[in-house]
Amino acid sequence: MSISAHALAREFSTVEPASTTSPLAVLRSILSNPTDLEFVRQFTTEDFVYVSLNYDHPDLKRIMPWAGTNEGTEGLVRTFIDVGRYWRVDDFRIQDSFENADGAAIFGFFTYTSSVLGKTVTSPFSVLARGGNGRLSYVQFMEDTFATARSFRESGAYLIKASPDGPDISV
C-alpha cells in the first residue's frame, strides 16, 4: 500500500518570524519571489553561498545543472528559474519552520511534473539559511533527488545492491 505525500502531510503551524529582518522572515521573502535577481539580491550578502542538493556531484550536475555549491546570489536565482523550466510546480507547501538568532529552517514538500516527459513526483524538502541584519549569507536546499531525477528517466532500470544480505533490486 502506497501512501501519498498529500495524505501524510499535516498542516503544521509554522513559527512567526521574530522580526521583519530575522533569518526566517528574509528566507520567506526570498521564497516569495526567487526568480527576480534584484529582489533576491536585496536579501543576500556580497559573499552569499547557495548549496543546491549537494556540495559537489558531477553526475547529478549533468542532470540538474544547478546542483552543487554556487557562490553569489545568481546561483540561487538561476536554480529557481531552471526548476521552472524543467518542471511545472504543482504544489509547494511549507509544513514547519524554525529560527534562531543567526539562522532559520523550513520544511515541507513539493509536487513537480517534468516538462519533457510529464512525470509527476512528490518530494519532501528542507531549507537551511544563515545570516543576520536582514540578509542571508548561506542557503542550502535539500530534496529527494532520487525521485526528482527519476522524473527525467525515459527508459531503463537501475540495478541496485544496497543490502549486504539481500538481493539486487531493479528500480
N, C-alpha and C. Protein backbone atom coordinates (compact mmCIF):
# COMPACT_ATOMS: atom_id res chain seq x y z
N MET A 1 0.85 -1.18 0.00
CA MET A 1 0.00 0.00 0.00
C MET A 1 0.88 1.24 0.00
N SER A 2 0.62 2.11 -0.93
CA SER A 2 1.39 3.34 -1.03
C SER A 2 0.58 4.50 -0.45
N ILE A 3 1.22 5.28 0.39
CA ILE A 3 0.56 6.44 0.98
C ILE A 3 1.13 7.68 0.31
N SER A 4 0.27 8.51 -0.21
CA SER A 4 0.74 9.72 -0.89
C SER A 4 1.27 10.73 0.11
N ALA A 5 2.12 11.61 -0.38
CA ALA A 5 2.65 12.68 0.46
C ALA A 5 1.52 13.57 0.95
N HIS A 6 0.51 13.73 0.10
CA HIS A 6 -0.61 14.58 0.50
C HIS A 6 -1.36 13.98 1.69
N ALA A 7 -1.48 12.66 1.70
CA ALA A 7 -2.17 12.00 2.82
C ALA A 7 -1.33 12.11 4.10
N LEU A 8 -0.01 12.09 3.95
CA LEU A 8 0.87 12.18 5.12
C LEU A 8 1.05 13.60 5.61
N ALA A 9 0.87 14.55 4.72
CA ALA A 9 1.15 15.95 5.06
C ALA A 9 0.08 16.51 5.99
N ARG A 10 0.51 16.87 7.16
CA ARG A 10 -0.36 17.56 8.09
C ARG A 10 -0.01 19.02 8.02
N GLU A 11 -0.98 19.83 8.25
CA GLU A 11 -0.69 21.25 8.30
C GLU A 11 -0.15 21.58 9.69
N PHE A 12 1.06 22.05 9.74
CA PHE A 12 1.68 22.45 10.99
C PHE A 12 1.60 23.96 11.08
N SER A 13 1.57 24.44 12.26
CA SER A 13 1.61 25.90 12.40
C SER A 13 3.07 26.30 12.46
N THR A 14 3.51 27.03 11.45
CA THR A 14 4.89 27.47 11.42
C THR A 14 5.06 28.65 12.35
N VAL A 15 6.25 28.82 12.85
CA VAL A 15 6.52 29.93 13.76
C VAL A 15 6.48 31.24 12.98
N GLU A 16 6.12 32.27 13.65
CA GLU A 16 6.18 33.60 13.05
C GLU A 16 7.60 34.12 13.22
N PRO A 17 8.12 34.79 12.20
CA PRO A 17 9.47 35.34 12.33
C PRO A 17 9.57 36.29 13.51
N ALA A 18 10.75 36.32 14.14
CA ALA A 18 10.98 37.18 15.30
C ALA A 18 10.85 38.65 14.93
N SER A 19 11.21 39.01 13.69
CA SER A 19 11.10 40.39 13.22
C SER A 19 11.06 40.36 11.69
N THR A 20 10.87 41.49 11.08
CA THR A 20 10.83 41.54 9.61
C THR A 20 12.21 41.35 8.99
N THR A 21 13.26 41.43 9.80
CA THR A 21 14.61 41.25 9.29
C THR A 21 15.28 39.97 9.82
N SER A 22 14.53 39.13 10.52
CA SER A 22 15.10 37.89 11.05
C SER A 22 15.37 36.92 9.90
N PRO A 23 16.24 35.93 10.12
CA PRO A 23 16.55 34.97 9.06
C PRO A 23 15.32 34.29 8.46
N LEU A 24 14.34 33.94 9.29
CA LEU A 24 13.13 33.30 8.76
C LEU A 24 12.33 34.26 7.90
N ALA A 25 12.18 35.48 8.32
CA ALA A 25 11.45 36.47 7.52
C ALA A 25 12.15 36.70 6.18
N VAL A 26 13.46 36.79 6.20
CA VAL A 26 14.22 37.01 4.97
C VAL A 26 14.11 35.80 4.05
N LEU A 27 14.22 34.60 4.60
CA LEU A 27 14.08 33.38 3.79
C LEU A 27 12.70 33.31 3.16
N ARG A 28 11.67 33.58 3.92
CA ARG A 28 10.30 33.58 3.36
C ARG A 28 10.18 34.63 2.26
N SER A 29 10.78 35.79 2.45
CA SER A 29 10.74 36.83 1.41
C SER A 29 11.38 36.33 0.14
N ILE A 30 12.56 35.75 0.25
CA ILE A 30 13.25 35.22 -0.93
C ILE A 30 12.39 34.18 -1.63
N LEU A 31 11.81 33.25 -0.88
CA LEU A 31 11.00 32.20 -1.48
C LEU A 31 9.71 32.73 -2.10
N SER A 32 9.30 33.93 -1.74
CA SER A 32 8.09 34.51 -2.34
C SER A 32 8.32 34.99 -3.77
N ASN A 33 9.58 35.21 -4.15
CA ASN A 33 9.89 35.71 -5.49
C ASN A 33 11.34 35.33 -5.86
N PRO A 34 11.64 34.01 -5.90
CA PRO A 34 13.04 33.59 -6.03
C PRO A 34 13.65 33.72 -7.42
N THR A 35 12.87 34.12 -8.42
CA THR A 35 13.41 34.23 -9.77
C THR A 35 13.77 35.65 -10.18
N ASP A 36 13.58 36.61 -9.28
CA ASP A 36 13.87 38.01 -9.56
C ASP A 36 15.20 38.37 -8.89
N LEU A 37 16.25 38.48 -9.70
CA LEU A 37 17.60 38.69 -9.16
C LEU A 37 17.70 39.95 -8.31
N GLU A 38 17.17 41.05 -8.77
CA GLU A 38 17.28 42.29 -7.99
C GLU A 38 16.51 42.19 -6.68
N PHE A 39 15.36 41.54 -6.70
CA PHE A 39 14.58 41.34 -5.48
C PHE A 39 15.38 40.50 -4.49
N VAL A 40 15.91 39.36 -4.95
CA VAL A 40 16.64 38.45 -4.05
C VAL A 40 17.93 39.09 -3.57
N ARG A 41 18.61 39.82 -4.43
CA ARG A 41 19.89 40.43 -4.07
C ARG A 41 19.77 41.36 -2.85
N GLN A 42 18.62 42.01 -2.66
CA GLN A 42 18.46 42.90 -1.51
C GLN A 42 18.46 42.14 -0.18
N PHE A 43 18.31 40.81 -0.24
CA PHE A 43 18.25 39.99 0.96
C PHE A 43 19.49 39.11 1.16
N THR A 44 20.53 39.30 0.33
CA THR A 44 21.72 38.45 0.43
C THR A 44 22.97 39.31 0.59
N THR A 45 23.99 38.69 1.18
CA THR A 45 25.26 39.37 1.39
C THR A 45 26.12 39.26 0.13
N GLU A 46 27.19 40.06 0.08
CA GLU A 46 28.12 40.02 -1.06
C GLU A 46 28.78 38.66 -1.21
N ASP A 47 29.02 37.96 -0.08
CA ASP A 47 29.69 36.66 -0.12
C ASP A 47 28.70 35.50 0.01
N PHE A 48 27.48 35.69 -0.45
CA PHE A 48 26.41 34.69 -0.37
C PHE A 48 26.81 33.38 -1.05
N VAL A 49 26.46 32.26 -0.39
CA VAL A 49 26.69 30.92 -0.93
C VAL A 49 25.38 30.17 -0.93
N TYR A 50 25.07 29.52 -2.06
CA TYR A 50 23.87 28.70 -2.19
C TYR A 50 24.28 27.27 -2.52
N VAL A 51 23.85 26.32 -1.69
CA VAL A 51 24.12 24.91 -1.92
C VAL A 51 22.81 24.25 -2.32
N SER A 52 22.82 23.68 -3.51
CA SER A 52 21.63 23.03 -4.04
C SER A 52 21.86 21.53 -4.14
N LEU A 53 21.17 20.78 -3.32
CA LEU A 53 21.10 19.32 -3.35
C LEU A 53 22.32 18.59 -2.83
N ASN A 54 23.51 19.12 -3.03
CA ASN A 54 24.76 18.51 -2.57
C ASN A 54 25.86 19.55 -2.66
N TYR A 55 27.03 19.20 -2.18
CA TYR A 55 28.13 20.16 -2.26
C TYR A 55 28.79 20.12 -3.64
N ASP A 56 29.00 18.90 -4.17
CA ASP A 56 29.64 18.75 -5.47
C ASP A 56 29.42 17.31 -5.94
N HIS A 57 28.66 17.13 -7.00
CA HIS A 57 28.40 15.80 -7.54
C HIS A 57 28.29 15.92 -9.06
N PRO A 58 29.38 15.68 -9.78
CA PRO A 58 29.40 15.91 -11.23
C PRO A 58 28.30 15.19 -12.01
N ASP A 59 27.98 13.93 -11.65
CA ASP A 59 26.93 13.22 -12.40
C ASP A 59 25.56 13.85 -12.18
N LEU A 60 25.26 14.24 -10.95
CA LEU A 60 23.97 14.89 -10.70
C LEU A 60 23.93 16.25 -11.40
N LYS A 61 25.05 16.94 -11.44
CA LYS A 61 25.11 18.24 -12.11
C LYS A 61 24.82 18.11 -13.61
N ARG A 62 25.14 16.97 -14.20
CA ARG A 62 24.82 16.74 -15.61
C ARG A 62 23.31 16.67 -15.81
N ILE A 63 22.58 16.16 -14.82
CA ILE A 63 21.12 16.05 -14.90
C ILE A 63 20.46 17.35 -14.46
N MET A 64 20.94 17.91 -13.36
CA MET A 64 20.41 19.15 -12.79
C MET A 64 21.56 20.14 -12.68
N PRO A 65 21.75 20.98 -13.70
CA PRO A 65 22.94 21.83 -13.77
C PRO A 65 23.15 22.76 -12.58
N TRP A 66 22.15 23.04 -11.81
CA TRP A 66 22.26 23.93 -10.66
C TRP A 66 22.80 23.22 -9.42
N ALA A 67 22.90 21.89 -9.46
CA ALA A 67 23.32 21.12 -8.29
C ALA A 67 24.74 21.50 -7.89
N GLY A 68 24.95 21.58 -6.58
CA GLY A 68 26.28 21.85 -6.05
C GLY A 68 26.36 23.17 -5.33
N THR A 69 27.58 23.60 -5.07
CA THR A 69 27.84 24.83 -4.34
C THR A 69 27.98 25.98 -5.33
N ASN A 70 27.19 27.02 -5.12
CA ASN A 70 27.17 28.18 -6.00
C ASN A 70 27.52 29.43 -5.21
N GLU A 71 28.52 30.17 -5.65
CA GLU A 71 28.87 31.42 -4.99
C GLU A 71 28.13 32.56 -5.66
N GLY A 72 27.45 33.38 -4.87
CA GLY A 72 26.71 34.52 -5.40
C GLY A 72 25.22 34.25 -5.48
N THR A 73 24.49 35.31 -5.40
CA THR A 73 23.02 35.27 -5.43
C THR A 73 22.50 34.68 -6.73
N GLU A 74 23.24 34.88 -7.80
CA GLU A 74 22.81 34.41 -9.11
C GLU A 74 22.56 32.90 -9.13
N GLY A 75 23.33 32.13 -8.35
CA GLY A 75 23.16 30.67 -8.30
C GLY A 75 21.80 30.27 -7.78
N LEU A 76 21.34 30.95 -6.74
CA LEU A 76 20.01 30.65 -6.20
C LEU A 76 18.93 31.03 -7.20
N VAL A 77 19.02 32.20 -7.77
CA VAL A 77 18.00 32.67 -8.72
C VAL A 77 17.99 31.78 -9.95
N ARG A 78 19.16 31.44 -10.48
CA ARG A 78 19.24 30.57 -11.66
C ARG A 78 18.59 29.22 -11.37
N THR A 79 18.79 28.69 -10.16
CA THR A 79 18.17 27.42 -9.80
C THR A 79 16.66 27.49 -9.92
N PHE A 80 16.06 28.51 -9.34
CA PHE A 80 14.60 28.59 -9.37
C PHE A 80 14.08 28.86 -10.78
N ILE A 81 14.83 29.59 -11.59
CA ILE A 81 14.44 29.78 -12.99
C ILE A 81 14.49 28.44 -13.72
N ASP A 82 15.58 27.69 -13.53
CA ASP A 82 15.73 26.40 -14.20
C ASP A 82 14.70 25.38 -13.71
N VAL A 83 14.43 25.36 -12.42
CA VAL A 83 13.40 24.44 -11.91
C VAL A 83 12.08 24.71 -12.63
N GLY A 84 11.75 25.97 -12.86
CA GLY A 84 10.54 26.32 -13.58
C GLY A 84 10.56 25.91 -15.04
N ARG A 85 11.75 25.75 -15.61
CA ARG A 85 11.88 25.27 -16.99
C ARG A 85 11.82 23.75 -17.05
N TYR A 86 12.42 23.06 -16.09
CA TYR A 86 12.50 21.61 -16.09
C TYR A 86 11.22 20.95 -15.60
N TRP A 87 10.47 21.64 -14.73
CA TRP A 87 9.24 21.08 -14.16
C TRP A 87 8.14 22.14 -14.10
N ARG A 88 6.93 21.67 -14.02
CA ARG A 88 5.80 22.51 -13.63
C ARG A 88 5.64 22.28 -12.13
N VAL A 89 5.55 23.34 -11.36
CA VAL A 89 5.38 23.22 -9.92
C VAL A 89 3.89 23.10 -9.65
N ASP A 90 3.47 21.90 -9.26
CA ASP A 90 2.06 21.64 -8.99
C ASP A 90 1.66 22.01 -7.57
N ASP A 91 2.61 21.88 -6.66
CA ASP A 91 2.35 22.19 -5.25
C ASP A 91 3.68 22.45 -4.57
N PHE A 92 3.70 23.40 -3.67
CA PHE A 92 4.88 23.71 -2.85
C PHE A 92 4.33 24.15 -1.52
N ARG A 93 4.47 23.29 -0.52
CA ARG A 93 3.83 23.55 0.76
C ARG A 93 4.83 23.53 1.90
N ILE A 94 4.86 24.60 2.67
CA ILE A 94 5.68 24.67 3.87
C ILE A 94 4.88 24.07 5.01
N GLN A 95 5.49 23.12 5.71
CA GLN A 95 4.82 22.45 6.82
C GLN A 95 5.29 22.95 8.18
N ASP A 96 6.54 23.33 8.26
CA ASP A 96 7.07 23.76 9.55
C ASP A 96 8.28 24.65 9.33
N SER A 97 8.60 25.45 10.32
CA SER A 97 9.76 26.32 10.25
C SER A 97 10.25 26.63 11.65
N PHE A 98 11.54 26.93 11.73
CA PHE A 98 12.19 27.27 12.99
C PHE A 98 13.18 28.39 12.72
N GLU A 99 13.52 29.13 13.76
CA GLU A 99 14.60 30.10 13.61
C GLU A 99 15.29 30.33 14.95
N ASN A 100 16.53 30.81 14.84
CA ASN A 100 17.26 31.30 15.99
C ASN A 100 17.91 32.62 15.56
N ALA A 101 18.78 33.16 16.36
CA ALA A 101 19.34 34.49 16.10
C ALA A 101 20.07 34.59 14.76
N ASP A 102 20.73 33.52 14.33
CA ASP A 102 21.51 33.62 13.10
C ASP A 102 21.12 32.62 12.03
N GLY A 103 19.95 32.01 12.16
CA GLY A 103 19.56 31.04 11.15
C GLY A 103 18.10 30.67 11.20
N ALA A 104 17.68 29.96 10.15
CA ALA A 104 16.30 29.50 10.05
C ALA A 104 16.27 28.22 9.25
N ALA A 105 15.19 27.46 9.41
CA ALA A 105 14.98 26.25 8.63
C ALA A 105 13.51 26.14 8.29
N ILE A 106 13.25 25.70 7.08
CA ILE A 106 11.88 25.48 6.60
C ILE A 106 11.81 24.04 6.10
N PHE A 107 10.69 23.39 6.38
CA PHE A 107 10.47 22.01 5.95
C PHE A 107 9.11 21.92 5.27
N GLY A 108 9.02 21.10 4.26
CA GLY A 108 7.75 20.92 3.57
C GLY A 108 7.84 19.87 2.49
N PHE A 109 6.97 20.00 1.48
CA PHE A 109 7.02 19.10 0.34
C PHE A 109 6.57 19.85 -0.91
N PHE A 110 6.95 19.29 -2.04
CA PHE A 110 6.51 19.84 -3.32
C PHE A 110 6.13 18.71 -4.25
N THR A 111 5.31 19.03 -5.23
CA THR A 111 4.97 18.11 -6.31
C THR A 111 5.31 18.81 -7.62
N TYR A 112 6.14 18.14 -8.42
CA TYR A 112 6.59 18.67 -9.70
C TYR A 112 6.18 17.70 -10.81
N THR A 113 5.92 18.22 -11.99
CA THR A 113 5.72 17.41 -13.19
C THR A 113 6.78 17.82 -14.20
N SER A 114 7.57 16.85 -14.67
CA SER A 114 8.67 17.17 -15.59
C SER A 114 8.12 17.70 -16.91
N SER A 115 8.78 18.72 -17.43
CA SER A 115 8.33 19.39 -18.65
C SER A 115 8.44 18.51 -19.88
N VAL A 116 9.47 17.71 -19.97
CA VAL A 116 9.70 16.91 -21.17
C VAL A 116 8.89 15.62 -21.17
N LEU A 117 8.92 14.86 -20.08
CA LEU A 117 8.27 13.55 -20.04
C LEU A 117 6.90 13.55 -19.35
N GLY A 118 6.54 14.62 -18.66
CA GLY A 118 5.25 14.67 -17.98
C GLY A 118 5.13 13.75 -16.78
N LYS A 119 6.26 13.37 -16.18
CA LYS A 119 6.24 12.51 -15.00
C LYS A 119 6.12 13.37 -13.75
N THR A 120 5.21 12.97 -12.86
CA THR A 120 4.95 13.72 -11.63
C THR A 120 5.61 13.03 -10.44
N VAL A 121 6.27 13.82 -9.60
CA VAL A 121 6.92 13.31 -8.39
C VAL A 121 6.60 14.24 -7.23
N THR A 122 6.59 13.67 -6.04
CA THR A 122 6.42 14.45 -4.82
C THR A 122 7.63 14.17 -3.94
N SER A 123 8.17 15.22 -3.35
CA SER A 123 9.37 15.11 -2.55
C SER A 123 9.27 15.99 -1.31
N PRO A 124 9.79 15.52 -0.19
CA PRO A 124 9.97 16.43 0.93
C PRO A 124 11.12 17.37 0.60
N PHE A 125 11.16 18.52 1.24
CA PHE A 125 12.30 19.43 1.08
C PHE A 125 12.61 20.06 2.42
N SER A 126 13.84 20.55 2.52
CA SER A 126 14.25 21.34 3.67
C SER A 126 15.18 22.44 3.17
N VAL A 127 15.10 23.57 3.84
CA VAL A 127 15.95 24.71 3.51
C VAL A 127 16.58 25.20 4.80
N LEU A 128 17.89 25.32 4.78
CA LEU A 128 18.64 25.87 5.90
C LEU A 128 19.17 27.23 5.47
N ALA A 129 19.01 28.23 6.30
CA ALA A 129 19.50 29.57 5.97
C ALA A 129 20.29 30.12 7.16
N ARG A 130 21.36 30.85 6.84
CA ARG A 130 22.18 31.51 7.86
C ARG A 130 22.35 32.97 7.48
N GLY A 131 22.32 33.83 8.48
CA GLY A 131 22.53 35.25 8.22
C GLY A 131 22.08 36.09 9.39
N GLY A 132 22.00 37.39 9.15
CA GLY A 132 21.58 38.34 10.17
C GLY A 132 21.45 39.73 9.58
N ASN A 133 20.87 40.62 10.34
CA ASN A 133 20.70 42.02 9.93
C ASN A 133 19.95 42.16 8.60
N GLY A 134 18.97 41.28 8.39
CA GLY A 134 18.13 41.40 7.20
C GLY A 134 18.71 40.81 5.93
N ARG A 135 19.83 40.08 6.04
CA ARG A 135 20.46 39.49 4.85
C ARG A 135 20.92 38.06 5.17
N LEU A 136 20.83 37.21 4.17
CA LEU A 136 21.32 35.85 4.32
C LEU A 136 22.67 35.72 3.65
N SER A 137 23.55 34.93 4.27
CA SER A 137 24.87 34.66 3.71
C SER A 137 24.98 33.24 3.17
N TYR A 138 24.02 32.38 3.55
CA TYR A 138 24.09 30.97 3.17
C TYR A 138 22.69 30.39 3.11
N VAL A 139 22.41 29.65 2.05
CA VAL A 139 21.16 28.90 1.94
C VAL A 139 21.49 27.54 1.36
N GLN A 140 20.91 26.50 1.96
CA GLN A 140 21.09 25.13 1.48
C GLN A 140 19.71 24.52 1.28
N PHE A 141 19.45 24.00 0.07
CA PHE A 141 18.16 23.40 -0.28
C PHE A 141 18.37 21.92 -0.52
N MET A 142 17.58 21.09 0.16
CA MET A 142 17.68 19.64 0.02
C MET A 142 16.32 19.07 -0.38
N GLU A 143 16.35 18.00 -1.17
CA GLU A 143 15.14 17.32 -1.62
C GLU A 143 15.48 15.87 -1.87
N ASP A 144 14.50 15.08 -2.26
CA ASP A 144 14.70 13.69 -2.62
C ASP A 144 15.16 13.66 -4.08
N THR A 145 16.47 13.75 -4.29
CA THR A 145 16.98 13.83 -5.66
C THR A 145 16.79 12.53 -6.44
N PHE A 146 16.67 11.41 -5.75
CA PHE A 146 16.38 10.15 -6.45
C PHE A 146 15.02 10.27 -7.14
N ALA A 147 14.04 10.82 -6.43
CA ALA A 147 12.70 10.99 -7.01
C ALA A 147 12.71 12.01 -8.13
N THR A 148 13.31 13.18 -7.88
CA THR A 148 13.24 14.23 -8.89
C THR A 148 14.03 13.85 -10.14
N ALA A 149 15.19 13.22 -9.99
CA ALA A 149 15.96 12.79 -11.16
C ALA A 149 15.21 11.72 -11.93
N ARG A 150 14.48 10.86 -11.24
CA ARG A 150 13.71 9.82 -11.93
C ARG A 150 12.59 10.41 -12.78
N SER A 151 12.17 11.64 -12.50
CA SER A 151 11.13 12.24 -13.34
C SER A 151 11.66 12.54 -14.74
N PHE A 152 12.98 12.42 -14.93
CA PHE A 152 13.60 12.62 -16.24
C PHE A 152 13.96 11.30 -16.92
N ARG A 153 13.80 10.18 -16.22
CA ARG A 153 14.21 8.90 -16.80
C ARG A 153 13.23 8.46 -17.87
N GLU A 154 13.74 8.33 -19.07
CA GLU A 154 12.89 7.96 -20.19
C GLU A 154 12.68 6.46 -20.26
N SER A 155 13.74 5.69 -20.00
CA SER A 155 13.62 4.23 -20.06
C SER A 155 14.75 3.59 -19.27
N GLY A 156 14.68 2.29 -19.13
CA GLY A 156 15.73 1.54 -18.46
C GLY A 156 15.49 1.43 -16.97
N ALA A 157 16.33 0.63 -16.33
CA ALA A 157 16.20 0.40 -14.90
C ALA A 157 17.56 0.54 -14.24
N TYR A 158 17.52 0.86 -12.96
CA TYR A 158 18.73 0.87 -12.14
C TYR A 158 18.83 -0.50 -11.49
N LEU A 159 20.01 -1.09 -11.46
CA LEU A 159 20.25 -2.31 -10.72
C LEU A 159 21.01 -1.90 -9.47
N ILE A 160 20.39 -2.07 -8.30
CA ILE A 160 20.94 -1.56 -7.06
C ILE A 160 21.23 -2.70 -6.10
N LYS A 161 22.41 -2.66 -5.50
CA LYS A 161 22.81 -3.62 -4.47
C LYS A 161 23.08 -2.81 -3.21
N ALA A 162 22.09 -2.75 -2.31
CA ALA A 162 22.21 -1.94 -1.11
C ALA A 162 22.42 -2.80 0.14
N SER A 163 21.62 -3.82 0.29
CA SER A 163 21.67 -4.65 1.49
C SER A 163 22.80 -5.67 1.38
N PRO A 164 23.66 -5.75 2.41
CA PRO A 164 24.73 -6.75 2.39
C PRO A 164 24.18 -8.19 2.33
N ASP A 165 22.95 -8.38 2.80
CA ASP A 165 22.37 -9.73 2.86
C ASP A 165 21.25 -9.92 1.86
N GLY A 166 20.89 -8.90 1.12
CA GLY A 166 19.73 -9.00 0.25
C GLY A 166 20.09 -9.09 -1.22
N PRO A 167 19.08 -9.30 -2.01
CA PRO A 167 19.29 -9.41 -3.46
C PRO A 167 19.46 -8.05 -4.12
N ASP A 168 19.87 -8.08 -5.38
CA ASP A 168 19.89 -6.86 -6.18
C ASP A 168 18.44 -6.41 -6.35
N ILE A 169 18.26 -5.11 -6.49
CA ILE A 169 16.92 -4.55 -6.68
C ILE A 169 16.93 -3.81 -8.00
N SER A 170 15.94 -4.10 -8.82
CA SER A 170 15.79 -3.39 -10.10
C SER A 170 14.72 -2.33 -9.91
N VAL A 171 15.11 -1.08 -10.16
CA VAL A 171 14.18 0.05 -9.98
C VAL A 171 14.02 0.74 -11.32
